[in-house]
C-alpha atoms as a PDB file:
ATOM      1  CA  MET A   1       8.758  28.838  11.698  1.00  0.00           C
ATOM      2  CA  LYS A   2       6.438  28.282   8.187  1.00  0.00           C
ATOM      3  CA  ILE A   3       8.013  30.583   5.027  1.00  0.00           C
ATOM      4  CA  GLN A   4       5.828  31.911   2.531  1.00  0.00           C
ATOM      5  CA  ASP A   5       7.952  34.358   1.268  1.00  0.00           C
ATOM      6  CA  LYS A   6      10.916  33.617  -1.141  1.00  0.00           C
ATOM      7  CA  THR A   7      12.652  36.725   0.398  1.00  0.00           C
ATOM      8  CA  THR A   8      12.076  35.666   4.271  1.00  0.00           C
ATOM      9  CA  PHE A   9      13.551  31.797   3.445  1.00  0.00           C
ATOM     10  CA  ASP A  10      16.630  33.870   1.833  1.00  0.00           C
ATOM     11  CA  GLY A  11      17.279  35.048   5.150  1.00  0.00           C
ATOM     12  CA  GLN A  12      17.397  32.562   6.989  1.00  0.00           C
ATOM     13  CA  ASN A  13      19.169  29.960   4.916  1.00  0.00           C
ATOM     14  CA  VAL A  14      22.416  30.551   5.838  1.00  0.00           C
ATOM     15  CA  PHE A  15      24.036  28.226   3.625  1.00  0.00           C
ATOM     16  CA  GLY A  16      22.645  29.949   0.386  1.00  0.00           C
ATOM     17  CA  GLN A  17      20.687  28.118  -2.119  1.00  0.00           C
ATOM     18  CA  GLY A  18      23.048  26.536  -4.513  1.00  0.00           C
ATOM     19  CA  MET A  19      21.772  25.309  -7.575  1.00  0.00           C
ATOM     20  CA  ALA A  20      18.994  23.512  -9.366  1.00  0.00           C
ATOM     21  CA  ASN A  21      19.595  20.061  -8.170  1.00  0.00           C
ATOM     22  CA  THR A  22      19.186  18.482 -11.749  1.00  0.00           C
ATOM     23  CA  ALA A  23      21.608  15.695 -11.066  1.00  0.00           C
ATOM     24  CA  PHE A  24      19.603  13.637  -8.725  1.00  0.00           C
ATOM     25  CA  ALA A  25      16.338  15.498  -9.455  1.00  0.00           C
ATOM     26  CA  ARG A  26      15.395  11.404 -10.484  1.00  0.00           C
ATOM     27  CA  TYR A  27      14.821  10.821  -6.990  1.00  0.00           C
ATOM     28  CA  PHE A  28      12.765  14.109  -5.639  1.00  0.00           C
ATOM     29  CA  ILE A  29       9.227  14.853  -6.465  1.00  0.00           C
ATOM     30  CA  GLY A  30       9.309  18.498  -7.309  1.00  0.00           C
ATOM     31  CA  ASN A  31      12.588  21.245  -7.030  1.00  0.00           C
ATOM     32  CA  SER A  32      14.952  20.676  -4.623  1.00  0.00           C
ATOM     33  CA  TYR A  33      18.340  22.905  -4.703  1.00  0.00           C
ATOM     34  CA  LEU A  34      22.195  21.301  -3.858  1.00  0.00           C
ATOM     35  CA  ASN A  35      25.013  23.718  -2.572  1.00  0.00           C
ATOM     36  CA  PRO A  36      27.486  21.055  -1.288  1.00  0.00           C
ATOM     37  CA  LEU A  37      29.379  22.359   2.383  1.00  0.00           C
ATOM     38  CA  THR A  38      32.764  20.113   1.517  1.00  0.00           C
ATOM     39  CA  LYS A  39      34.433  18.815  -1.631  1.00  0.00           C
ATOM     40  CA  PRO A  40      34.850  14.970  -1.805  1.00  0.00           C
ATOM     41  CA  GLY A  41      37.291  13.205  -0.802  1.00  0.00           C
ATOM     42  CA  GLU A  42      38.279  16.265   1.361  1.00  0.00           C
ATOM     43  CA  SER A  43      36.436  14.635   4.238  1.00  0.00           C
ATOM     44  CA  ALA A  44      34.950  11.487   5.078  1.00  0.00           C
ATOM     45  CA  VAL A  45      31.879  12.637   5.647  1.00  0.00           C
ATOM     46  CA  GLY A  46      30.154  14.965   3.077  1.00  0.00           C
ATOM     47  CA  LEU A  47      27.934  17.964   3.673  1.00  0.00           C
ATOM     48  CA  ALA A  48      25.386  19.586   1.666  1.00  0.00           C
ATOM     49  CA  ASN A  49      22.709  22.163   2.169  1.00  0.00           C
ATOM     50  CA  VAL A  50      19.752  20.630   0.153  1.00  0.00           C
ATOM     51  CA  THR A  51      16.817  23.358  -0.446  1.00  0.00           C
ATOM     52  CA  PHE A  52      13.575  21.943  -0.791  1.00  0.00           C
ATOM     53  CA  GLU A  53      10.751  24.257  -2.581  1.00  0.00           C
ATOM     54  CA  PRO A  54       7.205  23.839  -0.861  1.00  0.00           C
ATOM     55  CA  GLY A  55       6.281  20.478  -0.678  1.00  0.00           C
ATOM     56  CA  CYS A  56       9.033  18.971  -2.715  1.00  0.00           C
ATOM     57  CA  ARG A  57      10.191  15.354  -1.081  1.00  0.00           C
ATOM     58  CA  ASN A  58      12.858  13.115  -1.705  1.00  0.00           C
ATOM     59  CA  ASN A  59      11.826   9.380  -2.787  1.00  0.00           C
ATOM     60  CA  TRP A  60      11.782   6.663  -0.210  1.00  0.00           C
ATOM     61  CA  HIS A  61      15.836   5.663  -0.451  1.00  0.00           C
ATOM     62  CA  ILE A  62      17.886   3.952   2.217  1.00  0.00           C
ATOM     63  CA  HIS A  63      21.995   4.923   2.263  1.00  0.00           C
ATOM     64  CA  HIS A  64      23.899   1.439   2.373  1.00  0.00           C
ATOM     65  CA  ALA A  65      26.991   1.350   4.268  1.00  0.00           C
ATOM     66  CA  ARG A  66      29.355  -1.146   4.965  1.00  0.00           C
ATOM     67  CA  SER A  67      30.749   0.573   7.558  1.00  0.00           C
ATOM     68  CA  GLY A  68      30.463   4.127   8.989  1.00  0.00           C
ATOM     69  CA  GLY A  69      27.567   5.915   6.733  1.00  0.00           C
ATOM     70  CA  GLY A  70      23.597   6.614   7.288  1.00  0.00           C
ATOM     71  CA  GLN A  71      22.239  10.770   7.326  1.00  0.00           C
ATOM     72  CA  ILE A  72      21.901  13.539   9.511  1.00  0.00           C
ATOM     73  CA  LEU A  73      19.491  15.934   8.419  1.00  0.00           C
ATOM     74  CA  ILE A  74      19.506  19.375  10.349  1.00  0.00           C
ATOM     75  CA  CYS A  75      16.548  21.938   9.435  1.00  0.00           C
ATOM     76  CA  THR A  76      17.870  25.162   8.948  1.00  0.00           C
ATOM     77  CA  ALA A  77      14.749  26.916   7.425  1.00  0.00           C
ATOM     78  CA  GLY A  78      11.635  26.291   6.908  1.00  0.00           C
ATOM     79  CA  GLU A  79       9.527  23.413   7.819  1.00  0.00           C
ATOM     80  CA  GLY A  80       9.631  19.930   7.139  1.00  0.00           C
ATOM     81  CA  TRP A  81       8.722  16.211   7.041  1.00  0.00           C
ATOM     82  CA  TYR A  82      11.174  12.936   7.537  1.00  0.00           C
ATOM     83  CA  GLN A  83       9.238   9.885   8.668  1.00  0.00           C
ATOM     84  CA  GLU A  84      11.069   6.461   8.474  1.00  0.00           C
ATOM     85  CA  ASP A  85       9.049   3.630   7.143  1.00  0.00           C
ATOM     86  CA  GLY A  86       6.255   1.568   9.280  1.00  0.00           C
ATOM     87  CA  ARG A  87       6.354   4.912  11.409  1.00  0.00           C
ATOM     88  CA  GLU A  88       4.888   8.447  11.792  1.00  0.00           C
ATOM     89  CA  ALA A  89       5.956  10.992   9.963  1.00  0.00           C
ATOM     90  CA  VAL A  90       8.194  13.663  12.006  1.00  0.00           C
ATOM     91  CA  SER A  91       7.835  17.129  11.994  1.00  0.00           C
ATOM     92  CA  LEU A  92      10.681  19.066  11.212  1.00  0.00           C
ATOM     93  CA  ILE A  93      11.962  23.261  12.048  1.00  0.00           C
ATOM     94  CA  PRO A  94      14.859  24.591  11.933  1.00  0.00           C
ATOM     95  CA  GLY A  95      17.693  23.524  14.962  1.00  0.00           C
ATOM     96  CA  THR A  96      15.921  19.612  14.440  1.00  0.00           C
ATOM     97  CA  VAL A  97      18.014  16.896  14.028  1.00  0.00           C
ATOM     98  CA  ILE A  98      17.572  13.573  12.837  1.00  0.00           C
ATOM     99  CA  VAL A  99      20.752  11.184  12.838  1.00  0.00           C
ATOM    100  CA  ILE A 100      19.242   8.123  10.296  1.00  0.00           C
ATOM    101  CA  PRO A 101      21.328   5.156  10.238  1.00  0.00           C
ATOM    102  CA  PRO A 102      22.669   3.041   7.757  1.00  0.00           C
ATOM    103  CA  GLU A 103      20.100   0.872   5.905  1.00  0.00           C
ATOM    104  CA  VAL A 104      16.832   2.825   7.369  1.00  0.00           C
ATOM    105  CA  LYS A 105      14.156   3.188   4.884  1.00  0.00           C
ATOM    106  CA  HIS A 106      13.483   7.149   4.998  1.00  0.00           C
ATOM    107  CA  TRP A 107      12.290  10.340   3.093  1.00  0.00           C
ATOM    108  CA  HIS A 108      12.425  13.538   3.924  1.00  0.00           C
ATOM    109  CA  GLY A 109      10.895  16.890   2.562  1.00  0.00           C
ATOM    110  CA  ALA A 110       9.568  20.366   2.529  1.00  0.00           C
ATOM    111  CA  LYS A 111       5.959  20.945   4.087  1.00  0.00           C
ATOM    112  CA  ALA A 112       3.365  22.415   1.451  1.00  0.00           C
ATOM    113  CA  ASP A 113       3.734  25.361   2.647  1.00  0.00           C
ATOM    114  CA  SER A 114       6.463  26.067   3.302  1.00  0.00           C
END
């Protein structure tokens, strides 16, 4: 569902927006917000809610790993895009789950109007 109203979005963003993602801002085009859901070292898997302002996306990147690794995207509110290098972009809507194996070059972010 496209959301153009921040109040509506905040109501659907069950994990909360978090703080401005200044530590990783150089990896994004536009503004994003980070809400860590696990503490470093608490689990073998880090989990965070990243909120993208309309049109915000991250740069092409790869999650390297000697074992395990990769990334799981879960769209929880609004709409977005995910694209692997050499493939067409995939539309993200609430409930979409994307499993990204390690070493796969990709980007993801919000649609321009959501």
